[in-house]
Structure formats: C-alpha cells, structure tokens
C-alpha cells in the first residue's frame, strides 16, 4: 500500500503534509551529503549505508505520522499503480483530498533544497587545505593532485610537510584556532 497521511479533517492538511515531506526530504538530502563528504569525518564505505539507514529510520519515526513519510516518489507511485490495477478504481488517485501529488513533488523539491543548502552553507565553507596534515594523502589534499590544489598563502608550489605533529601540538593548534589559550592536557591511560 502507498503511504497515506494521518486521518484529520483540517483544511490545511494537504499543506501540512506537503511541508512535512519537503522538510523531511531536505533533512535526508543534507544528511546524505554530510555522510558522504570526504572533508568531514566520513564514516567510510562500510558504515555509510548504516548511517543513511539510521537517518531514514529517524525521519520515518519522527515525520511518518504526519504524511506517511514517502521520501521517494517511487515509494508512493508503485503501490498506487498496483492498487489501481488490482481493482481499487480511481479512488487510489483521489483519496485523502487528492494526496497522490504530494509524494510525487515534495520529496524532489526537498532533496534539491536540502542538497543546495548543504552545498551553499557547509561544503563551500570547508577550508582549502586541511588543518591536520594527516588528512593529506599521497595524491595531495584529500584526493586532489598537487598541481590542482590551491594554497591561499603561497606564490608557487609548496613543499610537502613531513613533520608529524604530536597530539599535544594538535590540541594546542585547535585551542588557538578556537580563540582559547592552549592548556596542558594529560594523556588518557592506555590499556596496553
């Protein structure tokens, strides 16, 4: 069966369902971009599907009671066509105040809006060079070749940094970047 909105008689029910679908799909778009962005602490190829599945579960649990939370036009259209062909008649298309158009249009608008928001406000704000040298791989900065990477403060190509900072150096760098004063941090005891 296709997802259906909860039963209520409000004249704003279609608008509520439409806005709910747009927002939940936008959340999904932002989450997928954030999970797969290599500039973030990405979960990796093995854990990424589980992270996306967790986001879909959270969206369905929190937004599902409002509109059925289709998140994908195919999740609504396929069952709707099947029930129509199975003999339920044209009610499949007109039930719940012609609800069928909401899962077709709202998820597309939501994912495009969420993806655009991520690209504008998050992805474009990543630093050009990583703050921690360990994030540089043998191909350059996060998979880019050295000749295509951009350095803000250099006139020519930079020599690779071979210095491996210690944990305390990284911590003090982070404290300085955040505007605080570096403080001595005692290392945690190790099990080995």
N, C-alpha and C. Protein backbone atom coordinates (compact mmCIF):
# COMPACT_ATOMS: atom_id res chain seq x y z
N UNK A 1 0.83 -1.19 0.00
CA UNK A 1 0.00 0.00 0.00
C UNK A 1 0.87 1.25 0.00
N UNK A 2 0.39 2.31 -0.62
CA UNK A 2 1.16 3.55 -0.60
C UNK A 2 1.08 4.21 0.76
N UNK A 3 2.07 5.04 1.10
CA UNK A 3 1.98 5.78 2.36
C UNK A 3 0.80 6.73 2.31
N UNK A 4 0.17 6.92 3.45
CA UNK A 4 -1.01 7.78 3.50
C UNK A 4 -0.88 8.73 4.68
N UNK A 5 -1.49 9.91 4.56
CA UNK A 5 -1.45 10.86 5.68
C UNK A 5 -2.33 10.38 6.82
N UNK A 6 -2.07 10.90 8.00
CA UNK A 6 -2.92 10.54 9.14
C UNK A 6 -4.30 11.14 8.92
N UNK A 7 -5.29 10.51 9.47
CA UNK A 7 -6.66 10.99 9.25
C UNK A 7 -6.98 12.21 10.08
N UNK A 8 -7.27 13.32 9.44
CA UNK A 8 -7.74 14.53 10.11
C UNK A 8 -8.51 15.36 9.09
N UNK A 9 -9.33 16.25 9.59
CA UNK A 9 -10.21 17.00 8.70
C UNK A 9 -9.80 18.46 8.55
N UNK A 10 -8.60 18.80 8.89
CA UNK A 10 -8.15 20.17 8.78
C UNK A 10 -8.08 20.60 7.32
N UNK A 11 -8.50 21.82 7.00
CA UNK A 11 -8.36 22.28 5.61
C UNK A 11 -6.90 22.50 5.23
N UNK A 12 -6.01 22.56 6.22
CA UNK A 12 -4.59 22.75 5.95
C UNK A 12 -3.84 21.43 5.86
N UNK A 13 -4.55 20.31 5.91
CA UNK A 13 -3.89 19.00 5.91
C UNK A 13 -2.99 18.80 4.69
N UNK A 14 -3.43 19.12 3.47
CA UNK A 14 -2.51 18.93 2.33
C UNK A 14 -1.26 19.81 2.44
N UNK A 15 -1.42 21.03 2.92
CA UNK A 15 -0.27 21.91 3.08
C UNK A 15 0.67 21.38 4.16
N UNK A 16 0.11 20.90 5.27
CA UNK A 16 0.93 20.31 6.33
C UNK A 16 1.71 19.12 5.81
N UNK A 17 1.05 18.25 5.05
CA UNK A 17 1.73 17.07 4.50
C UNK A 17 2.81 17.48 3.51
N UNK A 18 2.51 18.46 2.67
CA UNK A 18 3.48 18.91 1.68
C UNK A 18 4.72 19.48 2.36
N UNK A 19 4.52 20.37 3.33
CA UNK A 19 5.65 20.97 4.04
C UNK A 19 6.42 19.91 4.81
N UNK A 20 5.72 18.97 5.43
CA UNK A 20 6.39 17.90 6.14
C UNK A 20 7.25 17.04 5.23
N UNK A 21 6.74 16.73 4.05
CA UNK A 21 7.52 15.95 3.08
C UNK A 21 8.74 16.73 2.58
N UNK A 22 8.56 18.02 2.32
CA UNK A 22 9.69 18.84 1.85
C UNK A 22 10.77 18.89 2.93
N UNK A 23 10.38 19.15 4.17
CA UNK A 23 11.37 19.26 5.25
C UNK A 23 12.07 17.92 5.50
N UNK A 24 11.31 16.83 5.56
CA UNK A 24 11.94 15.53 5.83
C UNK A 24 12.86 15.12 4.68
N UNK A 25 12.48 15.43 3.45
CA UNK A 25 13.36 15.11 2.32
C UNK A 25 14.60 16.00 2.31
N UNK A 26 14.44 17.26 2.73
CA UNK A 26 15.60 18.15 2.83
C UNK A 26 16.57 17.65 3.90
N UNK A 27 16.05 17.17 5.01
CA UNK A 27 16.91 16.60 6.05
C UNK A 27 17.67 15.40 5.50
N UNK A 28 16.99 14.56 4.74
CA UNK A 28 17.65 13.40 4.14
C UNK A 28 18.74 13.84 3.16
N UNK A 29 18.46 14.85 2.34
CA UNK A 29 19.47 15.35 1.39
C UNK A 29 20.70 15.89 2.10
N UNK A 30 20.50 16.68 3.14
CA UNK A 30 21.63 17.22 3.91
C UNK A 30 22.42 16.09 4.56
N UNK A 31 21.72 15.11 5.12
CA UNK A 31 22.40 14.01 5.80
C UNK A 31 23.22 13.17 4.83
N UNK A 32 22.68 12.88 3.66
CA UNK A 32 23.43 12.08 2.68
C UNK A 32 24.68 12.82 2.22
N UNK A 33 24.55 14.13 1.97
CA UNK A 33 25.73 14.90 1.59
C UNK A 33 26.75 14.93 2.72
N UNK A 34 26.30 15.13 3.95
CA UNK A 34 27.23 15.20 5.09
C UNK A 34 27.92 13.86 5.33
N UNK A 35 27.18 12.78 5.18
CA UNK A 35 27.76 11.45 5.42
C UNK A 35 28.81 11.12 4.36
N UNK A 36 28.59 11.53 3.13
CA UNK A 36 29.49 11.17 2.04
C UNK A 36 30.55 12.22 1.75
N UNK A 37 30.56 13.34 2.46
CA UNK A 37 31.54 14.39 2.22
C UNK A 37 32.88 13.97 2.82
N UNK A 38 33.89 13.83 1.99
CA UNK A 38 35.21 13.39 2.45
C UNK A 38 35.92 14.45 3.28
N UNK A 39 35.46 15.70 3.24
CA UNK A 39 36.06 16.74 4.07
C UNK A 39 35.59 16.64 5.51
N UNK A 40 34.50 15.94 5.75
CA UNK A 40 34.03 15.69 7.10
C UNK A 40 34.69 14.43 7.62
N UNK A 41 34.38 14.09 8.82
CA UNK A 41 34.85 12.81 9.36
C UNK A 41 33.89 11.74 8.85
N UNK A 42 34.02 11.40 7.58
CA UNK A 42 33.11 10.47 6.93
C UNK A 42 33.20 9.10 7.57
N UNK A 43 32.07 8.39 7.68
CA UNK A 43 32.09 7.09 8.34
C UNK A 43 32.76 5.99 7.53
N UNK A 44 33.03 6.22 6.27
CA UNK A 44 33.68 5.20 5.45
C UNK A 44 32.67 4.43 4.62
N UNK A 45 33.19 3.64 3.70
CA UNK A 45 32.33 2.93 2.76
C UNK A 45 31.49 1.84 3.43
N UNK A 46 31.98 1.27 4.50
CA UNK A 46 31.25 0.19 5.16
C UNK A 46 30.13 0.75 6.04
N UNK A 47 30.40 1.80 6.77
CA UNK A 47 29.43 2.33 7.73
C UNK A 47 28.47 3.34 7.12
N UNK A 48 28.78 3.92 5.96
CA UNK A 48 27.92 4.94 5.37
C UNK A 48 26.49 4.45 5.11
N UNK A 49 26.28 3.25 4.56
CA UNK A 49 24.90 2.80 4.37
C UNK A 49 24.12 2.69 5.68
N UNK A 50 24.80 2.28 6.75
CA UNK A 50 24.13 2.18 8.04
C UNK A 50 23.79 3.56 8.59
N UNK A 51 24.66 4.54 8.34
CA UNK A 51 24.39 5.91 8.77
C UNK A 51 23.19 6.47 8.02
N UNK A 52 23.13 6.25 6.71
CA UNK A 52 21.98 6.73 5.92
C UNK A 52 20.71 6.02 6.37
N UNK A 53 20.79 4.72 6.61
CA UNK A 53 19.62 3.97 7.08
C UNK A 53 19.14 4.49 8.43
N UNK A 54 20.07 4.87 9.29
CA UNK A 54 19.70 5.43 10.60
C UNK A 54 18.98 6.76 10.43
N UNK A 55 19.43 7.57 9.48
CA UNK A 55 18.77 8.85 9.22
C UNK A 55 17.36 8.60 8.68
N UNK A 56 17.21 7.66 7.75
CA UNK A 56 15.89 7.35 7.20
C UNK A 56 14.97 6.84 8.31
N UNK A 57 15.49 5.99 9.19
CA UNK A 57 14.69 5.49 10.31
C UNK A 57 14.25 6.64 11.21
N UNK A 58 15.17 7.54 11.54
CA UNK A 58 14.82 8.68 12.40
C UNK A 58 13.78 9.57 11.74
N UNK A 59 13.92 9.80 10.43
CA UNK A 59 12.93 10.63 9.72
C UNK A 59 11.57 9.94 9.73
N UNK A 60 11.53 8.64 9.45
CA UNK A 60 10.25 7.94 9.43
C UNK A 60 9.60 7.90 10.81
N UNK A 61 10.41 7.76 11.86
CA UNK A 61 9.84 7.73 13.21
C UNK A 61 9.33 9.11 13.63
N UNK A 62 9.99 10.16 13.19
CA UNK A 62 9.58 11.50 13.64
C UNK A 62 8.58 12.17 12.72
N UNK A 63 8.65 11.95 11.42
CA UNK A 63 7.76 12.62 10.47
C UNK A 63 6.71 11.68 9.88
N UNK A 64 6.84 10.39 10.11
CA UNK A 64 5.97 9.42 9.46
C UNK A 64 4.51 9.55 9.80
N UNK A 65 4.18 9.99 11.01
CA UNK A 65 2.78 10.09 11.39
C UNK A 65 2.07 11.24 10.69
N UNK A 66 2.81 12.21 10.21
CA UNK A 66 2.19 13.36 9.56
C UNK A 66 1.69 13.01 8.16
N UNK A 67 2.56 12.43 7.34
CA UNK A 67 2.18 12.23 5.95
C UNK A 67 2.56 10.86 5.40
N UNK A 68 2.98 9.96 6.23
CA UNK A 68 3.42 8.67 5.73
C UNK A 68 4.88 8.66 5.35
N UNK A 69 5.48 9.81 5.28
CA UNK A 69 6.91 9.99 5.01
C UNK A 69 7.40 9.14 3.85
N UNK A 70 7.00 9.52 2.65
CA UNK A 70 7.39 8.71 1.49
C UNK A 70 8.87 8.87 1.16
N UNK A 71 9.44 10.07 1.24
CA UNK A 71 10.85 10.37 0.98
C UNK A 71 11.30 10.03 -0.43
N UNK A 72 10.48 9.34 -1.19
CA UNK A 72 10.84 8.89 -2.52
C UNK A 72 9.55 8.73 -3.32
N UNK A 73 9.43 9.40 -4.45
CA UNK A 73 8.19 9.25 -5.23
C UNK A 73 7.89 7.80 -5.61
N UNK A 74 8.91 6.99 -5.81
CA UNK A 74 8.68 5.59 -6.19
C UNK A 74 8.02 4.80 -5.06
N UNK A 75 8.22 5.23 -3.83
CA UNK A 75 7.61 4.53 -2.70
C UNK A 75 6.10 4.71 -2.69
N UNK A 76 5.61 5.77 -3.31
CA UNK A 76 4.18 6.02 -3.37
C UNK A 76 3.58 5.60 -4.70
N UNK A 77 4.24 5.90 -5.79
CA UNK A 77 3.66 5.68 -7.12
C UNK A 77 3.50 4.19 -7.42
N UNK A 78 4.52 3.39 -7.13
CA UNK A 78 4.45 1.96 -7.42
C UNK A 78 3.27 1.28 -6.75
N UNK A 79 3.13 1.39 -5.43
CA UNK A 79 1.97 0.78 -4.77
C UNK A 79 0.64 1.38 -5.23
N UNK A 80 0.63 2.66 -5.56
CA UNK A 80 -0.61 3.29 -6.01
C UNK A 80 -1.04 2.72 -7.36
N UNK A 81 -0.09 2.57 -8.27
CA UNK A 81 -0.41 1.98 -9.58
C UNK A 81 -0.85 0.53 -9.41
N UNK A 82 -0.16 -0.21 -8.54
CA UNK A 82 -0.52 -1.61 -8.31
C UNK A 82 -1.94 -1.73 -7.76
N UNK A 83 -2.28 -0.91 -6.75
CA UNK A 83 -3.63 -0.99 -6.19
C UNK A 83 -4.68 -0.56 -7.21
N UNK A 84 -4.35 0.38 -8.08
CA UNK A 84 -5.27 0.80 -9.14
C UNK A 84 -5.49 -0.35 -10.12
N UNK A 85 -4.41 -1.03 -10.53
CA UNK A 85 -4.53 -2.16 -11.44
C UNK A 85 -5.19 -3.37 -10.78
N UNK A 86 -5.08 -3.47 -9.47
CA UNK A 86 -5.68 -4.59 -8.75
C UNK A 86 -7.18 -4.43 -8.58
N UNK A 87 -7.73 -3.29 -8.99
CA UNK A 87 -9.17 -3.13 -8.98
C UNK A 87 -9.73 -2.17 -7.95
N UNK A 88 -8.89 -1.39 -7.31
CA UNK A 88 -9.41 -0.44 -6.33
C UNK A 88 -10.03 0.79 -6.98
N UNK A 89 -9.87 0.95 -8.27
CA UNK A 89 -10.50 2.04 -9.00
C UNK A 89 -9.77 3.36 -8.89
N UNK A 90 -10.47 4.40 -9.31
CA UNK A 90 -9.85 5.73 -9.34
C UNK A 90 -9.73 6.36 -7.96
N UNK A 91 -10.30 5.71 -6.94
CA UNK A 91 -10.15 6.23 -5.58
C UNK A 91 -8.69 6.31 -5.16
N UNK A 92 -7.87 5.50 -5.78
CA UNK A 92 -6.45 5.50 -5.44
C UNK A 92 -5.84 6.87 -5.71
N UNK A 93 -6.34 7.55 -6.70
CA UNK A 93 -5.78 8.85 -7.10
C UNK A 93 -6.48 10.01 -6.42
N UNK A 94 -7.72 9.82 -5.97
CA UNK A 94 -8.48 10.94 -5.40
C UNK A 94 -8.63 10.86 -3.88
N UNK A 95 -8.21 9.78 -3.27
CA UNK A 95 -8.38 9.62 -1.82
C UNK A 95 -7.56 10.66 -1.05
N UNK A 96 -8.01 10.94 0.15
CA UNK A 96 -7.33 11.87 1.06
C UNK A 96 -7.11 13.25 0.43
N UNK A 97 -8.12 13.75 -0.25
CA UNK A 97 -8.02 15.09 -0.83
C UNK A 97 -6.99 15.18 -1.94
N UNK A 98 -6.98 14.19 -2.82
CA UNK A 98 -6.01 14.14 -3.93
C UNK A 98 -4.57 14.19 -3.43
N UNK A 99 -4.30 13.40 -2.41
CA UNK A 99 -2.98 13.38 -1.77
C UNK A 99 -1.88 12.89 -2.69
N UNK A 100 -2.21 12.17 -3.76
CA UNK A 100 -1.20 11.49 -4.58
C UNK A 100 -0.11 12.42 -5.11
N UNK A 101 -0.40 13.69 -5.33
CA UNK A 101 0.59 14.59 -5.92
C UNK A 101 1.66 15.02 -4.91
N UNK A 102 1.37 14.94 -3.63
CA UNK A 102 2.32 15.39 -2.61
C UNK A 102 3.58 14.51 -2.58
N UNK A 103 3.47 13.17 -2.53
CA UNK A 103 4.70 12.36 -2.55
C UNK A 103 5.42 12.37 -3.89
N UNK A 104 4.75 12.84 -4.94
CA UNK A 104 5.42 12.96 -6.23
C UNK A 104 6.31 14.19 -6.31
N UNK A 105 5.85 15.28 -5.76
CA UNK A 105 6.51 16.57 -5.93
C UNK A 105 7.36 16.98 -4.72
N UNK A 106 6.85 16.80 -3.52
CA UNK A 106 7.52 17.31 -2.32
C UNK A 106 8.90 16.69 -2.08
N UNK A 107 9.11 15.38 -2.22
CA UNK A 107 10.46 14.85 -1.98
C UNK A 107 11.50 15.39 -2.95
N UNK A 108 11.10 15.60 -4.19
CA UNK A 108 12.05 16.14 -5.18
C UNK A 108 12.46 17.56 -4.79
N UNK A 109 11.47 18.37 -4.44
CA UNK A 109 11.77 19.75 -4.01
C UNK A 109 12.62 19.73 -2.74
N UNK A 110 12.28 18.87 -1.79
CA UNK A 110 13.01 18.81 -0.53
C UNK A 110 14.46 18.38 -0.69
N UNK A 111 14.71 17.35 -1.49
CA UNK A 111 16.09 16.88 -1.67
C UNK A 111 16.92 17.92 -2.41
N UNK A 112 16.34 18.55 -3.42
CA UNK A 112 17.08 19.59 -4.14
C UNK A 112 17.38 20.76 -3.19
N UNK A 113 16.39 21.16 -2.39
CA UNK A 113 16.61 22.27 -1.45
C UNK A 113 17.64 21.90 -0.38
N UNK A 114 17.54 20.70 0.18
CA UNK A 114 18.49 20.27 1.20
C UNK A 114 19.90 20.16 0.66
N UNK A 115 20.04 19.62 -0.54
CA UNK A 115 21.35 19.49 -1.17
C UNK A 115 21.94 20.86 -1.47
N UNK A 116 21.11 21.77 -1.95
CA UNK A 116 21.59 23.12 -2.23
C UNK A 116 22.01 23.82 -0.93
N UNK A 117 21.23 23.66 0.12
CA UNK A 117 21.60 24.26 1.41
C UNK A 117 22.93 23.72 1.90
N UNK A 118 23.15 22.41 1.76
CA UNK A 118 24.42 21.84 2.19
C UNK A 118 25.57 22.40 1.37
N UNK A 119 25.39 22.44 0.06
CA UNK A 119 26.47 22.94 -0.81
C UNK A 119 26.78 24.41 -0.53
N UNK A 120 25.76 25.21 -0.29
CA UNK A 120 25.97 26.64 -0.08
C UNK A 120 26.57 26.93 1.30
N UNK A 121 25.99 26.34 2.34
CA UNK A 121 26.36 26.72 3.69
C UNK A 121 27.43 25.84 4.34
N UNK A 122 27.64 24.64 3.86
CA UNK A 122 28.61 23.75 4.51
C UNK A 122 29.77 23.46 3.58
N UNK A 123 29.48 22.89 2.42
CA UNK A 123 30.56 22.44 1.54
C UNK A 123 31.44 23.59 1.09
N UNK A 124 30.86 24.73 0.79
CA UNK A 124 31.65 25.88 0.35
C UNK A 124 32.45 26.52 1.48
N UNK A 125 32.18 26.14 2.71
CA UNK A 125 32.89 26.72 3.85
C UNK A 125 34.05 25.85 4.34
N UNK A 126 34.28 24.70 3.69
CA UNK A 126 35.42 23.87 4.08
C UNK A 126 36.70 24.63 3.78
N UNK A 127 37.72 24.49 4.64
CA UNK A 127 39.00 25.13 4.33
C UNK A 127 39.61 24.51 3.08
N UNK A 128 40.40 25.31 2.38
CA UNK A 128 41.02 24.81 1.15
C UNK A 128 42.04 23.74 1.47
N UNK A 129 42.88 23.97 2.45
CA UNK A 129 43.87 22.97 2.88
C UNK A 129 43.42 22.43 4.23
N UNK A 130 43.62 21.15 4.47
CA UNK A 130 43.20 20.61 5.76
C UNK A 130 44.03 21.17 6.90
N UNK A 131 43.39 21.28 8.06
CA UNK A 131 44.07 21.82 9.23
C UNK A 131 45.04 20.81 9.83
N UNK A 132 44.76 19.54 9.65
CA UNK A 132 45.61 18.49 10.20
C UNK A 132 46.36 17.83 9.06
N UNK A 133 47.69 17.82 9.10
CA UNK A 133 48.47 17.28 7.99
C UNK A 133 48.20 15.81 7.69
N UNK A 134 47.72 15.03 8.67
CA UNK A 134 47.45 13.62 8.41
C UNK A 134 46.33 13.43 7.38
N UNK A 135 45.52 14.47 7.17
CA UNK A 135 44.44 14.35 6.19
C UNK A 135 44.95 14.42 4.76
N UNK A 136 46.20 14.80 4.58
CA UNK A 136 46.78 14.82 3.24
C UNK A 136 47.19 13.41 2.89
N UNK A 137 46.82 12.97 1.70
CA UNK A 137 47.25 11.65 1.27
C UNK A 137 48.33 11.80 0.21
N UNK A 138 48.76 10.69 -0.36
CA UNK A 138 49.87 10.74 -1.30
C UNK A 138 49.51 11.47 -2.59
N UNK A 139 48.22 11.62 -2.90
CA UNK A 139 47.82 12.34 -4.11
C UNK A 139 47.70 13.84 -3.88
N UNK A 140 47.79 14.29 -2.66
CA UNK A 140 47.65 15.71 -2.40
C UNK A 140 46.65 15.93 -1.30
N UNK A 141 45.88 16.99 -1.41
CA UNK A 141 44.93 17.35 -0.38
C UNK A 141 43.62 16.64 -0.65
N UNK A 142 43.32 15.66 0.18
CA UNK A 142 42.07 14.92 0.11
C UNK A 142 41.75 14.42 -1.29
N UNK A 143 42.71 13.80 -1.92
CA UNK A 143 42.49 13.18 -3.21
C UNK A 143 42.75 14.07 -4.40
N UNK A 144 43.04 15.35 -4.21
CA UNK A 144 43.34 16.22 -5.33
C UNK A 144 44.83 16.14 -5.62
N UNK A 145 45.18 16.24 -6.87
CA UNK A 145 46.60 16.24 -7.20
C UNK A 145 47.21 17.58 -6.81
N UNK A 146 48.52 17.59 -6.53
CA UNK A 146 49.19 18.79 -6.05
C UNK A 146 49.09 19.94 -7.05
N UNK A 147 49.14 19.65 -8.35
CA UNK A 147 49.12 20.75 -9.31
C UNK A 147 47.75 21.42 -9.38
N UNK A 148 46.70 20.74 -8.91
CA UNK A 148 45.37 21.34 -8.95
C UNK A 148 44.94 21.90 -7.61
N UNK A 149 45.71 21.66 -6.56
CA UNK A 149 45.31 22.16 -5.25
C UNK A 149 45.65 23.64 -5.14
N UNK A 150 44.87 24.33 -4.33
CA UNK A 150 45.02 25.77 -4.18
C UNK A 150 45.55 26.06 -2.79
N UNK A 151 46.55 26.91 -2.71
CA UNK A 151 47.09 27.34 -1.43
C UNK A 151 46.89 28.84 -1.33
N UNK A 152 46.27 29.27 -0.25
CA UNK A 152 45.94 30.68 -0.10
C UNK A 152 47.16 31.57 0.07
N UNK A 153 48.18 31.07 0.74
CA UNK A 153 49.26 31.95 1.14
C UNK A 153 50.57 31.66 0.41
N UNK A 154 50.53 31.10 -0.77
CA UNK A 154 51.78 30.81 -1.46
C UNK A 154 51.75 31.34 -2.88
N UNK A 155 52.93 31.67 -3.37
CA UNK A 155 53.04 32.13 -4.75
C UNK A 155 53.33 30.98 -5.70
N UNK A 156 53.90 29.94 -5.21
CA UNK A 156 54.25 28.80 -6.04
C UNK A 156 53.89 27.51 -5.34
N UNK A 157 54.33 26.39 -5.90
CA UNK A 157 54.01 25.11 -5.26
C UNK A 157 54.70 24.98 -3.91
N UNK A 158 53.97 24.44 -2.95
CA UNK A 158 54.50 24.24 -1.61
C UNK A 158 55.21 22.91 -1.52
N UNK A 159 56.22 22.88 -0.69
CA UNK A 159 56.89 21.63 -0.41
C UNK A 159 56.02 20.83 0.56
N UNK A 160 55.97 19.52 0.39
CA UNK A 160 55.14 18.74 1.31
C UNK A 160 55.67 18.82 2.73
N UNK A 161 54.74 18.84 3.66
CA UNK A 161 55.08 18.91 5.08
C UNK A 161 55.37 17.50 5.57
N UNK A 162 56.60 17.27 6.03
CA UNK A 162 56.97 15.94 6.50
C UNK A 162 56.91 15.84 8.02
N UNK A 163 56.65 16.96 8.70
CA UNK A 163 56.57 16.97 10.15
C UNK A 163 55.26 16.31 10.59
N UNK A 164 55.35 15.34 11.47
CA UNK A 164 54.17 14.68 12.03
C UNK A 164 53.92 15.28 13.41
N UNK A 165 52.86 16.07 13.56
CA UNK A 165 52.62 16.71 14.85
C UNK A 165 52.20 15.70 15.91
N UNK A 166 52.53 16.03 17.15
CA UNK A 166 52.11 15.19 18.27
C UNK A 166 50.69 15.56 18.65
N UNK A 167 50.10 14.76 19.51
CA UNK A 167 48.74 15.02 19.96
C UNK A 167 48.65 16.35 20.68
N UNK A 168 49.64 16.66 21.51
CA UNK A 168 49.59 17.93 22.25
C UNK A 168 49.73 19.12 21.30
N UNK A 169 50.54 18.98 20.23
CA UNK A 169 50.64 20.06 19.24
C UNK A 169 49.31 20.26 18.53
N UNK A 170 48.64 19.18 18.17
CA UNK A 170 47.33 19.29 17.53
C UNK A 170 46.31 19.93 18.46
N UNK A 171 46.32 19.52 19.73
CA UNK A 171 45.38 20.10 20.69
C UNK A 171 45.63 21.58 20.87
N UNK A 172 46.89 21.99 20.97
CA UNK A 172 47.17 23.41 21.14
C UNK A 172 46.79 24.19 19.88
N UNK A 173 46.98 23.60 18.71
CA UNK A 173 46.57 24.26 17.47
C UNK A 173 45.07 24.47 17.42
N UNK A 174 44.32 23.45 17.85
CA UNK A 174 42.86 23.56 17.87
C UNK A 174 42.43 24.63 18.86
N UNK A 175 43.05 24.66 20.04
CA UNK A 175 42.70 25.69 21.03
C UNK A 175 42.99 27.08 20.50
N UNK A 176 44.11 27.25 19.81
CA UNK A 176 44.44 28.56 19.24
C UNK A 176 43.47 28.94 18.14
N UNK A 177 43.08 27.98 17.30
CA UNK A 177 42.11 28.27 16.24
C UNK A 177 40.77 28.68 16.80
N UNK A 178 40.38 28.08 17.93
CA UNK A 178 39.10 28.40 18.54
C UNK A 178 39.16 29.65 19.40
N UNK A 179 40.31 30.29 19.47
CA UNK A 179 40.43 31.54 20.21
C UNK A 179 40.77 31.36 21.67
N UNK A 180 40.93 30.14 22.12
CA UNK A 180 41.28 29.90 23.52
C UNK A 180 42.78 29.77 23.68
N UNK A 181 43.19 29.74 24.89
CA UNK A 181 44.61 29.56 25.16
C UNK A 181 44.88 28.07 25.28
N UNK A 182 46.02 27.69 24.77
CA UNK A 182 46.40 26.28 24.85
C UNK A 182 46.66 25.92 26.30
N UNK A 183 46.15 24.79 26.72
CA UNK A 183 46.38 24.34 28.08
C UNK A 183 46.95 22.94 28.03
N UNK A 184 47.65 22.60 29.06
CA UNK A 184 48.26 21.27 29.11
C UNK A 184 47.15 20.24 29.31
N UNK A 185 47.20 19.21 28.52
CA UNK A 185 46.20 18.15 28.61
C UNK A 185 46.92 16.87 28.99
N UNK A 186 46.43 16.24 30.03
CA UNK A 186 47.07 14.99 30.44
C UNK A 186 46.56 13.88 29.55
N UNK A 187 47.47 13.04 29.06
CA UNK A 187 47.03 11.96 28.18
C UNK A 187 46.23 10.92 28.95
N UNK A 188 45.28 10.29 28.26
CA UNK A 188 44.49 9.24 28.86
C UNK A 188 45.34 7.98 29.00
N UNK A 189 45.12 7.21 30.05
CA UNK A 189 45.89 5.97 30.19
C UNK A 189 45.47 4.98 29.11
N UNK A 190 46.43 4.24 28.62
CA UNK A 190 46.14 3.25 27.59
C UNK A 190 46.04 1.87 28.22
N UNK A 191 45.32 0.99 27.56
CA UNK A 191 45.12 -0.36 28.08
C UNK A 191 46.35 -1.23 27.88
N UNK A 192 47.18 -0.93 26.91
CA UNK A 192 48.34 -1.77 26.61
C UNK A 192 49.58 -1.26 27.29
